[in-house]
Amino acid sequence: MLDKNKIANALLILRLSVFIVILMWTLDKFLNPAHSAGVFENFYGLSGWGPTVFMIIGALELVLLTGFVIGFQKRITYGLVFLIHAVSTLSTWQQYLDPFNNLLFFAAIPMLAACWALYSLRDMDTRLAVD
């Protein structure tokens, strides 16, 4: 028998943990835009962007993350969080070819699965959700 409370609690924990990780990446854009520039250049092939661009990206991410963490417009916010993390995970594919020198990159895989689970089960994610 499905215990809806257990499922809602588990999904809330997933949502909060994904939020914390992506929030750190978002804050990095404000606090250390040079690091963000290096990440964008190294993994996405995008260079020449100044700190203002990363602060704008960070502000947009912060708006998205706020909606995500409060469970607002789940199809959109959960979907975008999944998409952003999927792009981030797939863009680092070369790191997976040398696993023992890049072990931390493998943490992105279960987080991607968590993002997919949240998107797939968004209708059951009701604990502390406004939507």
N, C-alpha and C. Protein backbone atom coordinates (compact mmCIF):
# COMPACT_ATOMS: atom_id res chain seq x y z
N MET A 1 0.84 -1.18 0.00
CA MET A 1 0.00 0.00 0.00
C MET A 1 0.89 1.25 0.00
N LEU A 2 0.52 2.22 -0.80
CA LEU A 2 1.26 3.48 -0.88
C LEU A 2 1.00 4.32 0.36
N ASP A 3 2.06 4.78 0.97
CA ASP A 3 1.93 5.71 2.09
C ASP A 3 2.26 7.10 1.55
N LYS A 4 1.22 7.88 1.29
CA LYS A 4 1.40 9.19 0.67
C LYS A 4 2.24 10.13 1.53
N ASN A 5 2.17 9.99 2.84
CA ASN A 5 2.99 10.84 3.72
C ASN A 5 4.47 10.52 3.57
N LYS A 6 4.81 9.24 3.48
CA LYS A 6 6.21 8.87 3.31
C LYS A 6 6.75 9.37 1.97
N ILE A 7 5.93 9.23 0.94
CA ILE A 7 6.35 9.71 -0.38
C ILE A 7 6.53 11.22 -0.37
N ALA A 8 5.57 11.93 0.21
CA ALA A 8 5.66 13.40 0.27
C ALA A 8 6.88 13.83 1.07
N ASN A 9 7.16 13.14 2.16
CA ASN A 9 8.34 13.48 2.97
C ASN A 9 9.64 13.21 2.20
N ALA A 10 9.70 12.08 1.51
CA ALA A 10 10.90 11.74 0.74
C ALA A 10 11.13 12.76 -0.38
N LEU A 11 10.06 13.14 -1.06
CA LEU A 11 10.19 14.12 -2.14
C LEU A 11 10.59 15.50 -1.61
N LEU A 12 10.10 15.86 -0.44
CA LEU A 12 10.51 17.13 0.16
C LEU A 12 12.01 17.11 0.45
N ILE A 13 12.51 16.01 1.00
CA ILE A 13 13.94 15.90 1.29
C ILE A 13 14.75 15.98 0.00
N LEU A 14 14.29 15.32 -1.04
CA LEU A 14 14.97 15.42 -2.33
C LEU A 14 14.98 16.86 -2.83
N ARG A 15 13.83 17.51 -2.76
CA ARG A 15 13.72 18.90 -3.25
C ARG A 15 14.66 19.81 -2.48
N LEU A 16 14.69 19.68 -1.16
CA LEU A 16 15.56 20.54 -0.35
C LEU A 16 17.03 20.27 -0.63
N SER A 17 17.40 19.00 -0.80
CA SER A 17 18.81 18.69 -1.04
C SER A 17 19.26 19.17 -2.42
N VAL A 18 18.43 19.00 -3.45
CA VAL A 18 18.77 19.51 -4.78
C VAL A 18 18.86 21.04 -4.72
N PHE A 19 17.94 21.67 -4.01
CA PHE A 19 17.96 23.12 -3.86
C PHE A 19 19.28 23.60 -3.25
N ILE A 20 19.74 22.93 -2.20
CA ILE A 20 20.98 23.35 -1.54
C ILE A 20 22.16 23.30 -2.49
N VAL A 21 22.28 22.21 -3.25
CA VAL A 21 23.41 22.09 -4.18
C VAL A 21 23.36 23.17 -5.24
N ILE A 22 22.22 23.34 -5.88
CA ILE A 22 22.14 24.32 -6.96
C ILE A 22 22.23 25.75 -6.41
N LEU A 23 21.74 25.96 -5.20
CA LEU A 23 21.90 27.27 -4.57
C LEU A 23 23.38 27.62 -4.43
N MET A 24 24.21 26.66 -4.05
CA MET A 24 25.65 26.93 -3.92
C MET A 24 26.25 27.33 -5.27
N TRP A 25 25.83 26.65 -6.34
CA TRP A 25 26.31 27.01 -7.67
C TRP A 25 25.84 28.40 -8.06
N THR A 26 24.62 28.73 -7.67
CA THR A 26 24.07 30.05 -7.97
C THR A 26 24.81 31.12 -7.20
N LEU A 27 25.03 30.91 -5.92
CA LEU A 27 25.76 31.89 -5.10
C LEU A 27 27.18 32.09 -5.61
N ASP A 28 27.77 31.04 -6.16
CA ASP A 28 29.12 31.14 -6.73
C ASP A 28 29.16 32.18 -7.84
N LYS A 29 28.08 32.31 -8.58
CA LYS A 29 28.04 33.30 -9.67
C LYS A 29 28.11 34.73 -9.13
N PHE A 30 27.59 34.94 -7.93
CA PHE A 30 27.64 36.26 -7.30
C PHE A 30 28.97 36.49 -6.57
N LEU A 31 29.40 35.48 -5.84
CA LEU A 31 30.55 35.63 -4.96
C LEU A 31 31.89 35.44 -5.65
N ASN A 32 31.89 34.65 -6.73
CA ASN A 32 33.14 34.37 -7.43
C ASN A 32 32.88 34.25 -8.93
N PRO A 33 32.49 35.35 -9.57
CA PRO A 33 32.17 35.27 -11.00
C PRO A 33 33.34 34.79 -11.87
N ALA A 34 34.57 34.99 -11.41
CA ALA A 34 35.72 34.51 -12.18
C ALA A 34 35.71 32.98 -12.23
N HIS A 35 35.32 32.35 -11.13
CA HIS A 35 35.21 30.89 -11.13
C HIS A 35 34.13 30.44 -12.09
N SER A 36 32.99 31.11 -12.05
CA SER A 36 31.89 30.78 -12.97
C SER A 36 32.34 30.95 -14.42
N ALA A 37 33.10 32.01 -14.68
CA ALA A 37 33.60 32.24 -16.04
C ALA A 37 34.49 31.08 -16.47
N GLY A 38 35.33 30.59 -15.57
CA GLY A 38 36.19 29.45 -15.88
C GLY A 38 35.40 28.19 -16.16
N VAL A 39 34.35 27.96 -15.39
CA VAL A 39 33.48 26.80 -15.61
C VAL A 39 32.81 26.90 -16.96
N PHE A 40 32.25 28.06 -17.27
CA PHE A 40 31.56 28.24 -18.54
C PHE A 40 32.51 28.08 -19.72
N GLU A 41 33.73 28.57 -19.55
CA GLU A 41 34.70 28.45 -20.64
C GLU A 41 35.16 27.00 -20.80
N ASN A 42 35.48 26.36 -19.68
CA ASN A 42 36.03 25.00 -19.72
C ASN A 42 35.02 23.96 -20.17
N PHE A 43 33.79 24.04 -19.66
CA PHE A 43 32.82 22.98 -19.91
C PHE A 43 31.79 23.31 -20.99
N TYR A 44 31.54 24.59 -21.23
CA TYR A 44 30.54 24.96 -22.23
C TYR A 44 31.14 25.65 -23.45
N GLY A 45 32.44 25.95 -23.40
CA GLY A 45 33.09 26.62 -24.51
C GLY A 45 32.68 28.07 -24.68
N LEU A 46 32.17 28.68 -23.61
CA LEU A 46 31.70 30.07 -23.66
C LEU A 46 32.69 30.95 -22.90
N SER A 47 33.25 31.93 -23.58
CA SER A 47 34.24 32.79 -22.94
C SER A 47 33.96 34.25 -23.22
N GLY A 48 34.66 35.10 -22.49
CA GLY A 48 34.55 36.53 -22.70
C GLY A 48 33.38 37.19 -21.98
N TRP A 49 32.75 36.46 -21.10
CA TRP A 49 31.62 37.02 -20.36
C TRP A 49 32.13 37.68 -19.08
N GLY A 50 31.66 38.87 -18.82
CA GLY A 50 32.07 39.61 -17.63
C GLY A 50 31.23 39.24 -16.41
N PRO A 51 31.62 39.76 -15.25
CA PRO A 51 30.91 39.46 -14.00
C PRO A 51 29.42 39.81 -14.04
N THR A 52 29.06 40.87 -14.76
CA THR A 52 27.66 41.27 -14.82
C THR A 52 26.79 40.17 -15.42
N VAL A 53 27.29 39.50 -16.44
CA VAL A 53 26.53 38.42 -17.08
C VAL A 53 26.27 37.31 -16.07
N PHE A 54 27.28 36.96 -15.28
CA PHE A 54 27.10 35.88 -14.30
C PHE A 54 26.17 36.29 -13.18
N MET A 55 26.16 37.56 -12.83
CA MET A 55 25.22 38.03 -11.82
C MET A 55 23.79 38.00 -12.35
N ILE A 56 23.61 38.29 -13.62
CA ILE A 56 22.28 38.19 -14.23
C ILE A 56 21.83 36.73 -14.28
N ILE A 57 22.73 35.85 -14.71
CA ILE A 57 22.41 34.42 -14.72
C ILE A 57 22.09 33.95 -13.31
N GLY A 58 22.90 34.39 -12.34
CA GLY A 58 22.66 34.03 -10.95
C GLY A 58 21.31 34.53 -10.45
N ALA A 59 20.94 35.74 -10.82
CA ALA A 59 19.64 36.29 -10.39
C ALA A 59 18.49 35.48 -10.99
N LEU A 60 18.62 35.12 -12.26
CA LEU A 60 17.58 34.31 -12.90
C LEU A 60 17.50 32.93 -12.25
N GLU A 61 18.66 32.35 -11.95
CA GLU A 61 18.67 31.06 -11.27
C GLU A 61 18.04 31.17 -9.89
N LEU A 62 18.29 32.26 -9.21
CA LEU A 62 17.73 32.45 -7.87
C LEU A 62 16.21 32.52 -7.92
N VAL A 63 15.67 33.19 -8.92
CA VAL A 63 14.21 33.24 -9.09
C VAL A 63 13.68 31.82 -9.35
N LEU A 64 14.33 31.10 -10.26
CA LEU A 64 13.93 29.73 -10.56
C LEU A 64 14.00 28.85 -9.31
N LEU A 65 15.09 28.95 -8.58
CA LEU A 65 15.27 28.12 -7.38
C LEU A 65 14.26 28.44 -6.30
N THR A 66 13.88 29.69 -6.19
CA THR A 66 12.85 30.06 -5.21
C THR A 66 11.54 29.36 -5.56
N GLY A 67 11.16 29.42 -6.83
CA GLY A 67 9.95 28.70 -7.26
C GLY A 67 10.07 27.20 -7.04
N PHE A 68 11.24 26.67 -7.35
CA PHE A 68 11.49 25.23 -7.18
C PHE A 68 11.36 24.81 -5.72
N VAL A 69 12.01 25.51 -4.82
CA VAL A 69 12.03 25.08 -3.43
C VAL A 69 10.68 25.21 -2.74
N ILE A 70 9.84 26.13 -3.23
CA ILE A 70 8.51 26.26 -2.63
C ILE A 70 7.45 25.45 -3.39
N GLY A 71 7.89 24.74 -4.43
CA GLY A 71 6.97 23.89 -5.17
C GLY A 71 5.99 24.65 -6.04
N PHE A 72 6.42 25.76 -6.58
CA PHE A 72 5.56 26.61 -7.41
C PHE A 72 5.72 26.23 -8.88
N GLN A 73 4.60 26.10 -9.59
CA GLN A 73 4.62 25.77 -11.01
C GLN A 73 5.61 24.63 -11.28
N LYS A 74 5.34 23.50 -10.66
CA LYS A 74 6.29 22.38 -10.65
C LYS A 74 6.69 21.91 -12.04
N ARG A 75 5.75 21.84 -12.96
CA ARG A 75 6.11 21.37 -14.31
C ARG A 75 7.22 22.24 -14.89
N ILE A 76 7.13 23.54 -14.67
CA ILE A 76 8.12 24.47 -15.22
C ILE A 76 9.39 24.48 -14.37
N THR A 77 9.25 24.74 -13.06
CA THR A 77 10.46 24.90 -12.23
C THR A 77 11.22 23.59 -12.08
N TYR A 78 10.52 22.49 -11.83
CA TYR A 78 11.21 21.20 -11.69
C TYR A 78 11.82 20.79 -13.03
N GLY A 79 11.09 21.06 -14.11
CA GLY A 79 11.61 20.73 -15.44
C GLY A 79 12.86 21.51 -15.78
N LEU A 80 12.86 22.81 -15.48
CA LEU A 80 14.05 23.63 -15.76
C LEU A 80 15.24 23.24 -14.89
N VAL A 81 14.98 22.93 -13.62
CA VAL A 81 16.07 22.48 -12.74
C VAL A 81 16.66 21.18 -13.29
N PHE A 82 15.79 20.25 -13.70
CA PHE A 82 16.27 19.00 -14.30
C PHE A 82 17.09 19.29 -15.56
N LEU A 83 16.58 20.15 -16.42
CA LEU A 83 17.27 20.48 -17.67
C LEU A 83 18.63 21.13 -17.42
N ILE A 84 18.66 22.10 -16.52
CA ILE A 84 19.92 22.77 -16.19
C ILE A 84 20.94 21.77 -15.65
N HIS A 85 20.49 20.92 -14.75
CA HIS A 85 21.43 19.95 -14.19
C HIS A 85 21.83 18.90 -15.23
N ALA A 86 20.93 18.52 -16.12
CA ALA A 86 21.28 17.57 -17.17
C ALA A 86 22.36 18.15 -18.09
N VAL A 87 22.19 19.42 -18.48
CA VAL A 87 23.20 20.07 -19.31
C VAL A 87 24.53 20.13 -18.57
N SER A 88 24.48 20.49 -17.30
CA SER A 88 25.70 20.55 -16.49
C SER A 88 26.38 19.19 -16.40
N THR A 89 25.60 18.16 -16.18
CA THR A 89 26.16 16.81 -16.04
C THR A 89 26.72 16.32 -17.37
N LEU A 90 25.98 16.50 -18.45
CA LEU A 90 26.43 16.01 -19.75
C LEU A 90 27.61 16.81 -20.30
N SER A 91 27.70 18.08 -19.95
CA SER A 91 28.79 18.90 -20.48
C SER A 91 30.14 18.51 -19.86
N THR A 92 30.10 17.76 -18.79
CA THR A 92 31.35 17.34 -18.14
C THR A 92 31.69 15.89 -18.49
N TRP A 93 31.17 15.40 -19.60
CA TRP A 93 31.32 13.99 -19.96
C TRP A 93 32.79 13.54 -19.97
N GLN A 94 33.70 14.41 -20.33
CA GLN A 94 35.11 14.01 -20.40
C GLN A 94 35.66 13.64 -19.02
N GLN A 95 35.10 14.23 -17.97
CA GLN A 95 35.57 13.93 -16.62
C GLN A 95 35.29 12.48 -16.25
N TYR A 96 34.23 11.92 -16.85
CA TYR A 96 33.86 10.53 -16.54
C TYR A 96 34.80 9.53 -17.20
N LEU A 97 35.59 9.98 -18.16
CA LEU A 97 36.53 9.09 -18.84
C LEU A 97 37.78 8.84 -18.00
N ASP A 98 37.99 9.67 -16.99
CA ASP A 98 39.12 9.52 -16.07
C ASP A 98 38.55 9.52 -14.65
N PRO A 99 37.81 8.48 -14.30
CA PRO A 99 36.99 8.51 -13.08
C PRO A 99 37.77 8.70 -11.79
N PHE A 100 38.92 8.10 -11.67
CA PHE A 100 39.59 8.14 -10.37
C PHE A 100 40.33 9.45 -10.11
N ASN A 101 40.40 10.30 -11.12
CA ASN A 101 40.90 11.65 -10.91
C ASN A 101 39.77 12.67 -10.88
N ASN A 102 38.54 12.20 -11.04
CA ASN A 102 37.39 13.09 -11.09
C ASN A 102 36.19 12.49 -10.35
N LEU A 103 36.44 11.88 -9.23
CA LEU A 103 35.37 11.17 -8.52
C LEU A 103 34.19 12.05 -8.16
N LEU A 104 34.42 13.29 -7.79
CA LEU A 104 33.32 14.15 -7.37
C LEU A 104 32.31 14.42 -8.48
N PHE A 105 32.74 14.32 -9.73
CA PHE A 105 31.80 14.54 -10.83
C PHE A 105 30.71 13.47 -10.85
N PHE A 106 31.02 12.30 -10.33
CA PHE A 106 30.04 11.21 -10.32
C PHE A 106 28.87 11.50 -9.38
N ALA A 107 29.02 12.43 -8.46
CA ALA A 107 27.91 12.81 -7.58
C ALA A 107 26.79 13.48 -8.38
N ALA A 108 27.11 13.98 -9.54
CA ALA A 108 26.09 14.62 -10.38
C ALA A 108 25.07 13.62 -10.91
N ILE A 109 25.46 12.37 -11.03
CA ILE A 109 24.57 11.36 -11.61
C ILE A 109 23.39 11.05 -10.69
N PRO A 110 23.61 10.73 -9.41
CA PRO A 110 22.43 10.51 -8.56
C PRO A 110 21.62 11.79 -8.34
N MET A 111 22.27 12.94 -8.40
CA MET A 111 21.50 14.18 -8.29
C MET A 111 20.63 14.38 -9.52
N LEU A 112 21.14 14.00 -10.68
CA LEU A 112 20.32 14.06 -11.88
C LEU A 112 19.12 13.12 -11.75
N ALA A 113 19.35 11.95 -11.20
CA ALA A 113 18.25 11.02 -10.96
C ALA A 113 17.24 11.61 -9.98
N ALA A 114 17.73 12.30 -8.96
CA ALA A 114 16.82 12.96 -8.00
C ALA A 114 15.99 14.04 -8.69
N CYS A 115 16.62 14.80 -9.57
CA CYS A 115 15.89 15.84 -10.31
C CYS A 115 14.82 15.20 -11.19
N TRP A 116 15.16 14.08 -11.83
CA TRP A 116 14.18 13.39 -12.67
C TRP A 116 13.04 12.83 -11.81
N ALA A 117 13.39 12.25 -10.66
CA ALA A 117 12.35 11.71 -9.77
C ALA A 117 11.40 12.82 -9.33
N LEU A 118 11.94 13.97 -8.97
CA LEU A 118 11.10 15.09 -8.57
C LEU A 118 10.19 15.53 -9.71
N TYR A 119 10.75 15.62 -10.91
CA TYR A 119 9.92 16.03 -12.04
C TYR A 119 8.84 14.98 -12.31
N SER A 120 9.23 13.73 -12.32
CA SER A 120 8.28 12.65 -12.63
C SER A 120 7.18 12.52 -11.58
N LEU A 121 7.53 12.75 -10.33
CA LEU A 121 6.58 12.56 -9.23
C LEU A 121 6.08 13.89 -8.68
N ARG A 122 6.16 14.94 -9.47
CA ARG A 122 5.82 16.28 -9.00
C ARG A 122 4.41 16.38 -8.43
N ASP A 123 3.48 15.61 -8.93
CA ASP A 123 2.11 15.67 -8.40
C ASP A 123 2.01 15.07 -7.00
N MET A 124 2.98 14.25 -6.64
CA MET A 124 2.99 13.64 -5.30
C MET A 124 3.83 14.45 -4.32
N ASP A 125 4.56 15.45 -4.83
CA ASP A 125 5.41 16.30 -3.99
C ASP A 125 4.56 17.44 -3.44
N THR A 126 3.90 17.16 -2.33
CA THR A 126 2.93 18.10 -1.78
C THR A 126 3.37 18.73 -0.45
N ARG A 127 4.37 18.18 0.21
CA ARG A 127 4.79 18.69 1.51
C ARG A 127 5.48 20.04 1.34
N LEU A 128 4.95 21.06 2.00
CA LEU A 128 5.47 22.43 1.95
C LEU A 128 5.57 22.97 0.52
N ALA A 129 4.63 22.57 -0.32
CA ALA A 129 4.58 23.05 -1.70
C ALA A 129 3.37 23.95 -1.87
N VAL A 130 3.56 25.10 -2.50
CA VAL A 130 2.47 26.06 -2.65
C VAL A 130 1.57 25.73 -3.83
N ASP A 131 2.05 24.97 -4.77
CA ASP A 131 1.29 24.70 -5.99
C ASP A 131 0.27 23.59 -5.76
